[in-house]
Each structure stands twice: as structure tokens, then as C-alpha cells.
Amino acid sequence: MKFIPRLSRLKQAWQKIIEQINSVFKDLQDTAALLDDSDFDEPADDDGKTLKVVLADMAMHVSYHIGQIVYIHRLQGITR
């Protein structure tokens, strides 16, 4: 049956994506730890949004997509 090897590759690819996401979050945390509180009030994009607003927007965006992934997994019967 060809389905099992494809499922195994899919799980491996998914695990690699999770590792990459965790690495990005770790880098973001490490960088944020180097900043002073006042740095978060500085403009961080061309629209003049402060760094804290940009980071909050990113957190909400990522949370939304994580919720989508969890929902789809539950629909498929995946509980982990």
C-alpha cells in the first residue's frame, strides 16, 4: 500500500515545519530580549506602527492560523 509511506513522509515534513517555526520564535524571543522597553515604542514599519504593535499583530496572525490547523486536525480525528 503506497499510502503508508506517503503518510510517513507527510509526518516528517510536518515535523520539519514545526521545528522551523519553533526556531523562528526562538530567534524572535532572543532578539526581543536584547531590546530596551523604549525600543518597543519606536516605529517598525513604513506605516509608523510601533514595534510592539507589529509584534502584537504577528502574534494574533499566528494564533489565528494555529487555530485553523487545530480545527482541521480535529475534523480529521487527529488529537495530538
C-alpha atoms as a PDB file:
ATOM      1  CA  MET A   1       0.000   0.000   0.000  1.00  0.00           C
ATOM      2  CA  LYS A   2       1.522   3.331  -1.080  1.00  0.00           C
ATOM      3  CA  PHE A   3      -0.499   5.378   1.399  1.00  0.00           C
ATOM      4  CA  ILE A   4       1.631   4.451   4.442  1.00  0.00           C
ATOM      5  CA  PRO A   5       4.972   5.699   3.022  1.00  0.00           C
ATOM      6  CA  ARG A   6       3.280   8.928   1.870  1.00  0.00           C
ATOM      7  CA  LEU A   7       1.784   9.407   5.329  1.00  0.00           C
ATOM      8  CA  SER A   8       5.212   8.870   6.871  1.00  0.00           C
ATOM      9  CA  ARG A   9       6.748  11.492   4.569  1.00  0.00           C
ATOM     10  CA  LEU A  10       3.923  13.882   5.382  1.00  0.00           C
ATOM     11  CA  LYS A  11       4.510  13.466   9.118  1.00  0.00           C
ATOM     12  CA  GLN A  12       8.241  14.051   8.631  1.00  0.00           C
ATOM     13  CA  ALA A  13       7.578  17.183   6.582  1.00  0.00           C
ATOM     14  CA  TRP A  14       5.129  18.450   9.200  1.00  0.00           C
ATOM     15  CA  GLN A  15       7.684  17.863  11.962  1.00  0.00           C
ATOM     16  CA  LYS A  16      10.283  19.826   9.975  1.00  0.00           C
ATOM     17  CA  ILE A  17       7.827  22.729   9.597  1.00  0.00           C
ATOM     18  CA  ILE A  18       7.169  22.709  13.359  1.00  0.00           C
ATOM     19  CA  GLU A  19      10.915  22.770  14.038  1.00  0.00           C
ATOM     20  CA  GLN A  20      11.366  25.717  11.662  1.00  0.00           C
ATOM     21  CA  ILE A  21       8.518  27.654  13.290  1.00  0.00           C
ATOM     22  CA  ASN A  22       9.949  26.990  16.748  1.00  0.00           C
ATOM     23  CA  SER A  23      13.357  28.197  15.543  1.00  0.00           C
ATOM     24  CA  VAL A  24      11.872  31.454  14.231  1.00  0.00           C
ATOM     25  CA  PHE A  25      10.025  32.040  17.522  1.00  0.00           C
ATOM     26  CA  LYS A  26      13.220  31.329  19.498  1.00  0.00           C
ATOM     27  CA  ASP A  27      15.169  33.823  17.355  1.00  0.00           C
ATOM     28  CA  LEU A  28      12.415  36.393  17.852  1.00  0.00           C
ATOM     29  CA  GLN A  29      12.455  35.888  21.629  1.00  0.00           C
ATOM     30  CA  ASP A  30      16.242  36.116  21.772  1.00  0.00           C
ATOM     31  CA  THR A  31      16.235  39.329  19.740  1.00  0.00           C
ATOM     32  CA  ALA A  32      13.420  40.889  21.774  1.00  0.00           C
ATOM     33  CA  ALA A  33      15.321  40.107  24.976  1.00  0.00           C
ATOM     34  CA  LEU A  34      18.177  42.322  23.749  1.00  0.00           C
ATOM     35  CA  LEU A  35      15.921  45.361  23.346  1.00  0.00           C
ATOM     36  CA  ASP A  36      15.134  48.040  25.902  1.00  0.00           C
ATOM     37  CA  ASP A  37      11.492  48.738  26.744  1.00  0.00           C
ATOM     38  CA  SER A  38      11.710  52.035  24.859  1.00  0.00           C
ATOM     39  CA  ASP A  39      12.685  50.188  21.654  1.00  0.00           C
ATOM     40  CA  PHE A  40       9.199  48.689  21.505  1.00  0.00           C
ATOM     41  CA  ASP A  41       7.741  52.205  21.133  1.00  0.00           C
ATOM     42  CA  GLU A  42       9.865  53.006  18.071  1.00  0.00           C
ATOM     43  CA  PRO A  43       8.385  52.900  14.539  1.00  0.00           C
ATOM     44  CA  ALA A  44       8.966  49.473  12.999  1.00  0.00           C
ATOM     45  CA  ASP A  45       7.416  49.743   9.536  1.00  0.00           C
ATOM     46  CA  ASP A  46       6.704  52.224   6.773  1.00  0.00           C
ATOM     47  CA  ASP A  47       3.258  52.985   8.243  1.00  0.00           C
ATOM     48  CA  GLY A  48       4.820  54.146  11.501  1.00  0.00           C
ATOM     49  CA  LYS A  49       3.451  51.268  13.587  1.00  0.00           C
ATOM     50  CA  THR A  50       5.497  50.721  16.695  1.00  0.00           C
ATOM     51  CA  LEU A  51       7.406  47.510  17.234  1.00  0.00           C
ATOM     52  CA  LYS A  52       5.001  46.438  19.987  1.00  0.00           C
ATOM     53  CA  VAL A  53       2.032  46.861  17.617  1.00  0.00           C
ATOM     54  CA  VAL A  54       3.793  44.935  14.834  1.00  0.00           C
ATOM     55  CA  LEU A  55       4.658  42.115  17.254  1.00  0.00           C
ATOM     56  CA  ALA A  56       1.089  42.036  18.586  1.00  0.00           C
ATOM     57  CA  ASP A  57      -0.243  41.852  15.016  1.00  0.00           C
ATOM     58  CA  MET A  58       2.140  38.996  14.268  1.00  0.00           C
ATOM     59  CA  ALA A  59       1.067  37.124  17.403  1.00  0.00           C
ATOM     60  CA  MET A  60      -2.617  37.465  16.518  1.00  0.00           C
ATOM     61  CA  HIS A  61      -1.961  36.375  12.933  1.00  0.00           C
ATOM     62  CA  VAL A  62      -0.017  33.285  14.007  1.00  0.00           C
ATOM     63  CA  SER A  63      -2.633  32.438  16.650  1.00  0.00           C
ATOM     64  CA  TYR A  64      -5.363  32.581  14.021  1.00  0.00           C
ATOM     65  CA  HIS A  65      -3.522  30.121  11.790  1.00  0.00           C
ATOM     66  CA  ILE A  66      -2.704  27.792  14.682  1.00  0.00           C
ATOM     67  CA  GLY A  67      -6.413  27.725  15.461  1.00  0.00           C
ATOM     68  CA  GLN A  68      -7.157  26.813  11.856  1.00  0.00           C
ATOM     69  CA  ILE A  69      -4.649  23.971  11.960  1.00  0.00           C
ATOM     70  CA  VAL A  70      -6.021  22.616  15.235  1.00  0.00           C
ATOM     71  CA  TYR A  71      -9.582  22.803  13.872  1.00  0.00           C
ATOM     72  CA  ILE A  72      -8.648  20.914  10.699  1.00  0.00           C
ATOM     73  CA  HIS A  73      -6.768  18.301  12.723  1.00  0.00           C
ATOM     74  CA  ARG A  74      -9.773  17.742  14.964  1.00  0.00           C
ATOM     75  CA  LEU A  75     -12.037  17.388  11.942  1.00  0.00           C
ATOM     76  CA  GLN A  76      -9.666  14.676  10.732  1.00  0.00           C
ATOM     77  CA  GLY A  77      -9.671  12.965  14.125  1.00  0.00           C
ATOM     78  CA  ILE A  78      -6.110  13.983  14.945  1.00  0.00           C
ATOM     79  CA  THR A  79      -5.915  14.853  18.640  1.00  0.00           C
ATOM     80  CA  ARG A  80      -2.189  15.405  19.029  1.00  0.00           C
END
